[in-house]
Amino acid sequence: MPHDLTPGDGQDVLARFKECREQRDPDLMLELFAEDAEYRGDPFEPPLNGAVAIREHWNRVAAEQADVEFDVERVWVSGRAVLASWHAAYTLHDSGDRLRERGFLALELDGVGLISRLRAWPVVRVVATGSVLGAGAVPAEAGEGQDGR
C-alpha cells in the first residue's frame, strides 16, 4: 500500500504543475498524469478521460494562451490527495484579452506519484481587453467577468 503524502510531496507536485502551466508544455504536463487519469477542469463539464484527451486539452491551452502566471496560495495534503487554492493569469492569443483565474484544485495521486484524478473549480475574469501588450488595452469594468456581469 502506498504511503500517505507529506506536505512536501504536495508542494513538489504543485511546483511541477506550475512549471508545466507557465511553460505551456503539453509533453511536460502529461508526465504528471497516469495514462488512465481523469481530468475535470470544470465542475459543470464532463471529465476528460485518459492521456489522449488530456493531451488534446493541453495542446489547445498552449495554443490559445501566452504570458501565463500560475501560483499556489495554500496547500493541504490528506492521504494520497493534494488540495490547493491557486490563482493564475494569462493572455489570449486571438483577442489579446488578459484573464485572471482563482480556484481550488484537488489532485489524487496513484502509488507512484502520478495524478490519477484532477478536479478544478476555477472562476475566470477578463481584466483587460484588446492588446494588453500595447497602448490599446482597455481595463475591464470592476467586477465585470467573462460573461459581462
N, C-alpha and C. Protein backbone atom coordinates (compact mmCIF):
# COMPACT_ATOMS: atom_id res chain seq x y z
N MET A 1 0.84 -1.19 0.00
CA MET A 1 0.00 0.00 0.00
C MET A 1 0.89 1.25 0.00
N PRO A 2 0.59 2.21 -0.88
CA PRO A 2 1.41 3.43 -0.94
C PRO A 2 1.30 4.23 0.35
N HIS A 3 2.37 4.93 0.65
CA HIS A 3 2.39 5.77 1.86
C HIS A 3 1.56 7.03 1.65
N ASP A 4 1.12 7.61 2.76
CA ASP A 4 0.44 8.90 2.70
C ASP A 4 1.43 9.96 2.25
N LEU A 5 0.92 10.96 1.55
CA LEU A 5 1.76 12.05 1.09
C LEU A 5 2.12 12.98 2.25
N THR A 6 3.28 13.58 2.15
CA THR A 6 3.69 14.60 3.12
C THR A 6 3.36 15.97 2.53
N PRO A 7 3.35 17.02 3.35
CA PRO A 7 3.16 18.36 2.80
C PRO A 7 4.20 18.69 1.72
N GLY A 8 5.42 18.22 1.90
CA GLY A 8 6.46 18.44 0.89
C GLY A 8 6.14 17.76 -0.43
N ASP A 9 5.56 16.56 -0.38
CA ASP A 9 5.15 15.87 -1.60
C ASP A 9 4.10 16.70 -2.35
N GLY A 10 3.16 17.25 -1.62
CA GLY A 10 2.13 18.08 -2.23
C GLY A 10 2.72 19.32 -2.87
N GLN A 11 3.63 19.96 -2.18
CA GLN A 11 4.29 21.16 -2.73
C GLN A 11 5.10 20.81 -3.96
N ASP A 12 5.75 19.64 -3.96
CA ASP A 12 6.56 19.23 -5.11
C ASP A 12 5.71 19.02 -6.35
N VAL A 13 4.59 18.32 -6.23
CA VAL A 13 3.75 18.07 -7.41
C VAL A 13 3.15 19.38 -7.92
N LEU A 14 2.79 20.28 -7.03
CA LEU A 14 2.25 21.57 -7.46
C LEU A 14 3.32 22.46 -8.08
N ALA A 15 4.56 22.36 -7.63
CA ALA A 15 5.66 23.10 -8.25
C ALA A 15 5.88 22.61 -9.68
N ARG A 16 5.79 21.29 -9.89
CA ARG A 16 5.92 20.75 -11.25
C ARG A 16 4.73 21.18 -12.11
N PHE A 17 3.53 21.19 -11.54
CA PHE A 17 2.34 21.64 -12.26
C PHE A 17 2.51 23.11 -12.69
N LYS A 18 2.99 23.94 -11.77
CA LYS A 18 3.24 25.36 -12.07
C LYS A 18 4.22 25.50 -13.23
N GLU A 19 5.31 24.75 -13.20
CA GLU A 19 6.31 24.81 -14.26
C GLU A 19 5.69 24.45 -15.62
N CYS A 20 4.93 23.37 -15.65
CA CYS A 20 4.28 22.94 -16.89
C CYS A 20 3.29 23.98 -17.38
N ARG A 21 2.52 24.52 -16.46
CA ARG A 21 1.48 25.50 -16.80
C ARG A 21 2.11 26.78 -17.37
N GLU A 22 3.14 27.28 -16.71
CA GLU A 22 3.76 28.53 -17.14
C GLU A 22 4.57 28.35 -18.43
N GLN A 23 5.15 27.17 -18.64
CA GLN A 23 5.90 26.92 -19.87
C GLN A 23 4.97 26.54 -21.02
N ARG A 24 3.71 26.26 -20.71
CA ARG A 24 2.73 25.86 -21.73
C ARG A 24 3.26 24.66 -22.51
N ASP A 25 3.72 23.65 -21.77
CA ASP A 25 4.36 22.48 -22.38
C ASP A 25 3.50 21.24 -22.17
N PRO A 26 2.72 20.85 -23.19
CA PRO A 26 1.85 19.67 -23.04
C PRO A 26 2.61 18.39 -22.73
N ASP A 27 3.79 18.20 -23.32
CA ASP A 27 4.57 16.99 -23.05
C ASP A 27 4.97 16.91 -21.58
N LEU A 28 5.45 18.02 -21.06
CA LEU A 28 5.86 18.07 -19.66
C LEU A 28 4.64 17.86 -18.75
N MET A 29 3.51 18.47 -19.11
CA MET A 29 2.29 18.31 -18.31
C MET A 29 1.86 16.85 -18.28
N LEU A 30 1.92 16.17 -19.41
CA LEU A 30 1.46 14.78 -19.48
C LEU A 30 2.31 13.85 -18.61
N GLU A 31 3.54 14.23 -18.35
CA GLU A 31 4.41 13.43 -17.49
C GLU A 31 3.89 13.38 -16.06
N LEU A 32 3.03 14.32 -15.68
CA LEU A 32 2.47 14.35 -14.32
C LEU A 32 1.30 13.40 -14.14
N PHE A 33 0.70 12.94 -15.26
CA PHE A 33 -0.55 12.19 -15.20
C PHE A 33 -0.37 10.71 -15.49
N ALA A 34 -1.16 9.88 -14.81
CA ALA A 34 -1.24 8.46 -15.12
C ALA A 34 -1.91 8.31 -16.49
N GLU A 35 -1.61 7.24 -17.19
CA GLU A 35 -2.14 7.00 -18.53
C GLU A 35 -3.67 7.02 -18.56
N ASP A 36 -4.30 6.53 -17.50
CA ASP A 36 -5.77 6.45 -17.47
C ASP A 36 -6.40 7.51 -16.56
N ALA A 37 -5.71 8.63 -16.39
CA ALA A 37 -6.16 9.68 -15.47
C ALA A 37 -7.49 10.29 -15.91
N GLU A 38 -8.20 10.82 -14.92
CA GLU A 38 -9.42 11.60 -15.16
C GLU A 38 -9.09 13.05 -14.87
N TYR A 39 -9.51 13.94 -15.79
CA TYR A 39 -9.22 15.37 -15.66
C TYR A 39 -10.54 16.12 -15.79
N ARG A 40 -10.94 16.80 -14.73
CA ARG A 40 -12.17 17.59 -14.76
C ARG A 40 -11.79 19.03 -14.43
N GLY A 41 -11.60 19.83 -15.48
CA GLY A 41 -11.18 21.22 -15.31
C GLY A 41 -12.32 22.17 -15.03
N ASP A 42 -13.55 21.69 -15.15
CA ASP A 42 -14.75 22.50 -14.91
C ASP A 42 -15.79 21.58 -14.30
N PRO A 43 -16.33 21.94 -13.14
CA PRO A 43 -17.28 21.03 -12.47
C PRO A 43 -18.58 20.84 -13.24
N PHE A 44 -18.86 21.68 -14.24
CA PHE A 44 -20.09 21.57 -15.00
C PHE A 44 -19.91 20.89 -16.35
N GLU A 45 -18.69 20.46 -16.64
CA GLU A 45 -18.39 19.79 -17.90
C GLU A 45 -18.01 18.33 -17.61
N PRO A 46 -18.22 17.45 -18.59
CA PRO A 46 -17.80 16.06 -18.38
C PRO A 46 -16.28 15.98 -18.26
N PRO A 47 -15.78 14.98 -17.56
CA PRO A 47 -14.33 14.85 -17.40
C PRO A 47 -13.66 14.39 -18.70
N LEU A 48 -12.38 14.71 -18.80
CA LEU A 48 -11.54 14.16 -19.85
C LEU A 48 -10.95 12.88 -19.30
N ASN A 49 -10.99 11.81 -20.07
CA ASN A 49 -10.51 10.52 -19.58
C ASN A 49 -9.35 10.02 -20.43
N GLY A 50 -8.21 9.79 -19.79
CA GLY A 50 -7.06 9.23 -20.47
C GLY A 50 -6.11 10.26 -21.04
N ALA A 51 -4.91 9.78 -21.34
CA ALA A 51 -3.82 10.65 -21.77
C ALA A 51 -4.12 11.37 -23.08
N VAL A 52 -4.81 10.73 -24.01
CA VAL A 52 -5.08 11.36 -25.31
C VAL A 52 -5.97 12.58 -25.12
N ALA A 53 -7.04 12.44 -24.36
CA ALA A 53 -7.96 13.57 -24.13
C ALA A 53 -7.28 14.69 -23.35
N ILE A 54 -6.47 14.32 -22.37
CA ILE A 54 -5.77 15.34 -21.57
C ILE A 54 -4.74 16.06 -22.44
N ARG A 55 -4.04 15.33 -23.30
CA ARG A 55 -3.08 15.97 -24.22
C ARG A 55 -3.79 16.94 -25.16
N GLU A 56 -4.93 16.55 -25.72
CA GLU A 56 -5.69 17.44 -26.60
C GLU A 56 -6.03 18.75 -25.87
N HIS A 57 -6.45 18.62 -24.61
CA HIS A 57 -6.79 19.81 -23.82
C HIS A 57 -5.56 20.71 -23.67
N TRP A 58 -4.41 20.16 -23.27
CA TRP A 58 -3.23 20.98 -23.02
C TRP A 58 -2.61 21.49 -24.31
N ASN A 59 -2.77 20.77 -25.44
CA ASN A 59 -2.34 21.32 -26.74
C ASN A 59 -3.15 22.58 -27.06
N ARG A 60 -4.46 22.52 -26.80
CA ARG A 60 -5.34 23.67 -27.05
C ARG A 60 -4.97 24.84 -26.13
N VAL A 61 -4.75 24.55 -24.85
CA VAL A 61 -4.37 25.60 -23.89
C VAL A 61 -3.06 26.27 -24.33
N ALA A 62 -2.08 25.47 -24.72
CA ALA A 62 -0.78 26.02 -25.13
C ALA A 62 -0.92 26.90 -26.37
N ALA A 63 -1.82 26.52 -27.27
CA ALA A 63 -2.02 27.30 -28.50
C ALA A 63 -2.80 28.58 -28.25
N GLU A 64 -3.69 28.59 -27.27
CA GLU A 64 -4.58 29.73 -27.03
C GLU A 64 -4.02 30.77 -26.07
N GLN A 65 -3.08 30.40 -25.21
CA GLN A 65 -2.66 31.29 -24.13
C GLN A 65 -1.19 31.66 -24.23
N ALA A 66 -0.87 32.85 -23.71
CA ALA A 66 0.51 33.33 -23.61
C ALA A 66 0.69 34.03 -22.27
N ASP A 67 1.93 34.30 -21.92
CA ASP A 67 2.24 35.06 -20.70
C ASP A 67 1.52 34.50 -19.49
N VAL A 68 1.65 33.21 -19.29
CA VAL A 68 0.93 32.52 -18.23
C VAL A 68 1.67 32.66 -16.90
N GLU A 69 0.90 32.99 -15.88
CA GLU A 69 1.38 33.01 -14.49
C GLU A 69 0.48 32.08 -13.70
N PHE A 70 1.06 31.26 -12.83
CA PHE A 70 0.28 30.35 -12.01
C PHE A 70 0.95 30.27 -10.64
N ASP A 71 0.19 30.50 -9.59
CA ASP A 71 0.74 30.42 -8.24
C ASP A 71 -0.24 29.73 -7.30
N VAL A 72 0.31 28.91 -6.46
CA VAL A 72 -0.46 28.22 -5.43
C VAL A 72 -0.44 29.08 -4.18
N GLU A 73 -1.60 29.27 -3.58
CA GLU A 73 -1.70 30.09 -2.38
C GLU A 73 -1.58 29.25 -1.11
N ARG A 74 -2.24 28.12 -1.10
CA ARG A 74 -2.27 27.28 0.10
C ARG A 74 -2.37 25.83 -0.31
N VAL A 75 -1.70 24.94 0.41
CA VAL A 75 -1.67 23.51 0.09
C VAL A 75 -2.08 22.70 1.31
N TRP A 76 -2.95 21.72 1.08
CA TRP A 76 -3.32 20.75 2.10
C TRP A 76 -3.09 19.36 1.53
N VAL A 77 -2.72 18.43 2.38
CA VAL A 77 -2.49 17.05 1.96
C VAL A 77 -3.27 16.15 2.90
N SER A 78 -3.96 15.16 2.31
CA SER A 78 -4.70 14.17 3.10
C SER A 78 -4.60 12.84 2.39
N GLY A 79 -3.92 11.88 3.02
CA GLY A 79 -3.73 10.58 2.38
C GLY A 79 -2.94 10.73 1.10
N ARG A 80 -3.55 10.36 -0.03
CA ARG A 80 -2.91 10.48 -1.35
C ARG A 80 -3.49 11.65 -2.15
N ALA A 81 -4.17 12.58 -1.46
CA ALA A 81 -4.79 13.73 -2.12
C ALA A 81 -4.03 15.01 -1.79
N VAL A 82 -3.93 15.88 -2.80
CA VAL A 82 -3.35 17.20 -2.65
C VAL A 82 -4.44 18.21 -2.98
N LEU A 83 -4.69 19.13 -2.07
CA LEU A 83 -5.70 20.16 -2.25
C LEU A 83 -5.00 21.51 -2.25
N ALA A 84 -5.44 22.41 -3.13
CA ALA A 84 -4.75 23.71 -3.21
C ALA A 84 -5.69 24.81 -3.67
N SER A 85 -5.53 25.98 -3.07
CA SER A 85 -6.13 27.19 -3.62
C SER A 85 -5.05 27.84 -4.47
N TRP A 86 -5.45 28.45 -5.59
CA TRP A 86 -4.48 28.98 -6.54
C TRP A 86 -5.04 30.18 -7.27
N HIS A 87 -4.15 30.90 -7.96
CA HIS A 87 -4.56 31.97 -8.87
C HIS A 87 -3.65 31.94 -10.09
N ALA A 88 -4.17 32.43 -11.20
CA ALA A 88 -3.43 32.43 -12.45
C ALA A 88 -3.83 33.64 -13.28
N ALA A 89 -3.02 33.93 -14.27
CA ALA A 89 -3.34 34.97 -15.25
C ALA A 89 -2.71 34.57 -16.57
N TYR A 90 -3.35 34.96 -17.66
CA TYR A 90 -2.82 34.67 -18.99
C TYR A 90 -3.46 35.59 -20.01
N THR A 91 -2.83 35.66 -21.18
CA THR A 91 -3.32 36.46 -22.29
C THR A 91 -3.80 35.51 -23.39
N LEU A 92 -4.96 35.80 -23.96
CA LEU A 92 -5.47 35.01 -25.08
C LEU A 92 -4.83 35.49 -26.37
N HIS A 93 -4.27 34.56 -27.14
CA HIS A 93 -3.61 34.92 -28.40
C HIS A 93 -4.55 35.62 -29.37
N ASP A 94 -5.76 35.09 -29.54
CA ASP A 94 -6.63 35.60 -30.60
C ASP A 94 -7.17 37.00 -30.34
N SER A 95 -7.47 37.33 -29.10
CA SER A 95 -8.08 38.63 -28.80
C SER A 95 -7.15 39.60 -28.08
N GLY A 96 -6.11 39.08 -27.46
CA GLY A 96 -5.24 39.92 -26.64
C GLY A 96 -5.79 40.20 -25.26
N ASP A 97 -6.97 39.63 -24.95
CA ASP A 97 -7.56 39.83 -23.62
C ASP A 97 -6.68 39.20 -22.55
N ARG A 98 -6.60 39.88 -21.42
CA ARG A 98 -5.89 39.35 -20.25
C ARG A 98 -6.93 38.82 -19.28
N LEU A 99 -6.76 37.57 -18.87
CA LEU A 99 -7.70 36.93 -17.95
C LEU A 99 -7.00 36.56 -16.65
N ARG A 100 -7.77 36.60 -15.56
CA ARG A 100 -7.31 36.12 -14.26
C ARG A 100 -8.23 35.02 -13.80
N GLU A 101 -7.66 34.06 -13.12
CA GLU A 101 -8.43 32.96 -12.55
C GLU A 101 -8.06 32.81 -11.09
N ARG A 102 -9.02 32.38 -10.32
CA ARG A 102 -8.80 31.92 -8.95
C ARG A 102 -9.56 30.61 -8.84
N GLY A 103 -9.02 29.71 -8.06
CA GLY A 103 -9.73 28.45 -7.96
C GLY A 103 -9.21 27.54 -6.88
N PHE A 104 -9.83 26.37 -6.88
CA PHE A 104 -9.46 25.31 -5.96
C PHE A 104 -9.16 24.08 -6.79
N LEU A 105 -8.16 23.33 -6.40
CA LEU A 105 -7.68 22.18 -7.14
C LEU A 105 -7.59 20.98 -6.21
N ALA A 106 -8.08 19.84 -6.66
CA ALA A 106 -7.95 18.58 -5.92
C ALA A 106 -7.26 17.58 -6.82
N LEU A 107 -6.12 17.08 -6.38
CA LEU A 107 -5.37 16.07 -7.12
C LEU A 107 -5.34 14.79 -6.31
N GLU A 108 -5.60 13.68 -6.97
CA GLU A 108 -5.43 12.37 -6.34
C GLU A 108 -4.26 11.70 -7.03
N LEU A 109 -3.27 11.27 -6.24
CA LEU A 109 -2.07 10.67 -6.80
C LEU A 109 -2.10 9.15 -6.62
N ASP A 110 -1.58 8.44 -7.63
CA ASP A 110 -1.52 6.99 -7.54
C ASP A 110 -0.30 6.57 -6.72
N GLY A 111 -0.03 5.29 -6.65
CA GLY A 111 1.05 4.77 -5.83
C GLY A 111 2.44 5.19 -6.25
N VAL A 112 2.61 5.62 -7.51
CA VAL A 112 3.93 6.06 -7.96
C VAL A 112 4.04 7.59 -8.05
N GLY A 113 2.99 8.27 -7.60
CA GLY A 113 3.04 9.73 -7.53
C GLY A 113 2.52 10.46 -8.75
N LEU A 114 1.85 9.74 -9.66
CA LEU A 114 1.24 10.39 -10.82
C LEU A 114 -0.19 10.80 -10.50
N ILE A 115 -0.66 11.84 -11.16
CA ILE A 115 -2.03 12.30 -10.94
C ILE A 115 -2.99 11.32 -11.60
N SER A 116 -3.85 10.72 -10.80
CA SER A 116 -4.84 9.80 -11.34
C SER A 116 -6.19 10.49 -11.53
N ARG A 117 -6.39 11.58 -10.80
CA ARG A 117 -7.63 12.34 -10.92
C ARG A 117 -7.37 13.79 -10.55
N LEU A 118 -7.80 14.69 -11.43
CA LEU A 118 -7.70 16.13 -11.18
C LEU A 118 -9.09 16.71 -11.27
N ARG A 119 -9.43 17.51 -10.27
CA ARG A 119 -10.69 18.26 -10.29
C ARG A 119 -10.36 19.70 -9.96
N ALA A 120 -10.93 20.62 -10.75
CA ALA A 120 -10.68 22.04 -10.54
C ALA A 120 -12.00 22.80 -10.52
N TRP A 121 -12.02 23.86 -9.73
CA TRP A 121 -13.17 24.75 -9.63
C TRP A 121 -12.67 26.17 -9.87
N PRO A 122 -12.52 26.55 -11.15
CA PRO A 122 -11.98 27.89 -11.47
C PRO A 122 -13.08 28.95 -11.59
N VAL A 123 -12.70 30.18 -11.28
CA VAL A 123 -13.52 31.36 -11.55
C VAL A 123 -12.65 32.26 -12.42
N VAL A 124 -13.17 32.68 -13.57
CA VAL A 124 -12.40 33.43 -14.56
C VAL A 124 -12.98 34.82 -14.74
N ARG A 125 -12.10 35.82 -14.84
CA ARG A 125 -12.50 37.20 -15.10
C ARG A 125 -11.58 37.80 -16.15
N VAL A 126 -12.15 38.58 -17.06
CA VAL A 126 -11.37 39.37 -18.00
C VAL A 126 -10.95 40.64 -17.26
N VAL A 127 -9.65 40.92 -17.24
CA VAL A 127 -9.17 42.10 -16.52
C VAL A 127 -8.67 43.19 -17.47
N ALA A 128 -8.46 42.86 -18.73
CA ALA A 128 -8.11 43.86 -19.75
C ALA A 128 -8.51 43.29 -21.10
N THR A 129 -9.03 44.15 -21.97
CA THR A 129 -9.42 43.70 -23.29
C THR A 129 -8.51 44.30 -24.34
N GLY A 130 -8.42 43.62 -25.47
CA GLY A 130 -7.56 44.08 -26.55
C GLY A 130 -6.13 43.68 -26.31
N SER A 131 -5.25 44.33 -26.99
CA SER A 131 -3.84 44.00 -26.89
C SER A 131 -3.29 44.52 -25.56
N VAL A 132 -3.11 43.64 -24.61
CA VAL A 132 -2.59 44.08 -23.30
C VAL A 132 -1.10 44.41 -23.38
N LEU A 133 -0.48 44.05 -24.48
CA LEU A 133 0.94 44.35 -24.62
C LEU A 133 1.16 45.74 -25.21
N GLY A 134 0.10 46.33 -25.80
CA GLY A 134 0.25 47.63 -26.44
C GLY A 134 -0.54 48.69 -25.71
N ALA A 135 -0.55 49.87 -26.28
CA ALA A 135 -1.23 51.01 -25.66
C ALA A 135 -2.73 50.93 -25.80
N GLY A 136 -3.25 49.99 -26.60
CA GLY A 136 -4.68 49.91 -26.85
C GLY A 136 -5.46 49.12 -25.81
N ALA A 137 -4.84 48.67 -24.73
CA ALA A 137 -5.53 47.86 -23.74
C ALA A 137 -6.60 48.68 -23.03
N VAL A 138 -7.72 48.06 -22.82
CA VAL A 138 -8.84 48.72 -22.14
C VAL A 138 -9.14 47.92 -20.89
N PRO A 139 -8.97 48.49 -19.68
CA PRO A 139 -9.28 47.73 -18.46
C PRO A 139 -10.75 47.36 -18.44
N ALA A 140 -11.03 46.14 -17.97
CA ALA A 140 -12.42 45.70 -17.80
C ALA A 140 -13.01 46.44 -16.62
N GLU A 141 -14.32 46.63 -16.64
CA GLU A 141 -15.02 47.29 -15.52
C GLU A 141 -14.79 46.47 -14.24
N ALA A 142 -14.71 47.15 -13.13
CA ALA A 142 -14.52 46.48 -11.84
C ALA A 142 -15.63 45.48 -11.63
N GLY A 143 -15.27 44.26 -11.31
CA GLY A 143 -16.25 43.22 -11.03
C GLY A 143 -16.82 42.59 -12.28
N GLU A 144 -16.46 43.08 -13.47
CA GLU A 144 -17.02 42.52 -14.69
C GLU A 144 -16.29 41.25 -15.03
N GLY A 145 -17.02 40.22 -15.32
CA GLY A 145 -16.44 38.94 -15.66
C GLY A 145 -16.55 38.63 -17.13
N GLN A 146 -16.16 37.46 -17.47
CA GLN A 146 -16.16 36.98 -18.83
C GLN A 146 -17.56 37.03 -19.44
N ASP A 147 -18.58 36.88 -18.62
CA ASP A 147 -19.94 36.85 -19.10
C ASP A 147 -20.59 38.23 -19.08
N GLY A 148 -19.81 39.30 -18.79
CA GLY A 148 -20.31 40.65 -18.81
C GLY A 148 -21.00 41.09 -17.52
N ARG A 149 -20.98 40.23 -16.50
CA ARG A 149 -21.60 40.60 -15.23
C ARG A 149 -20.55 41.03 -14.24
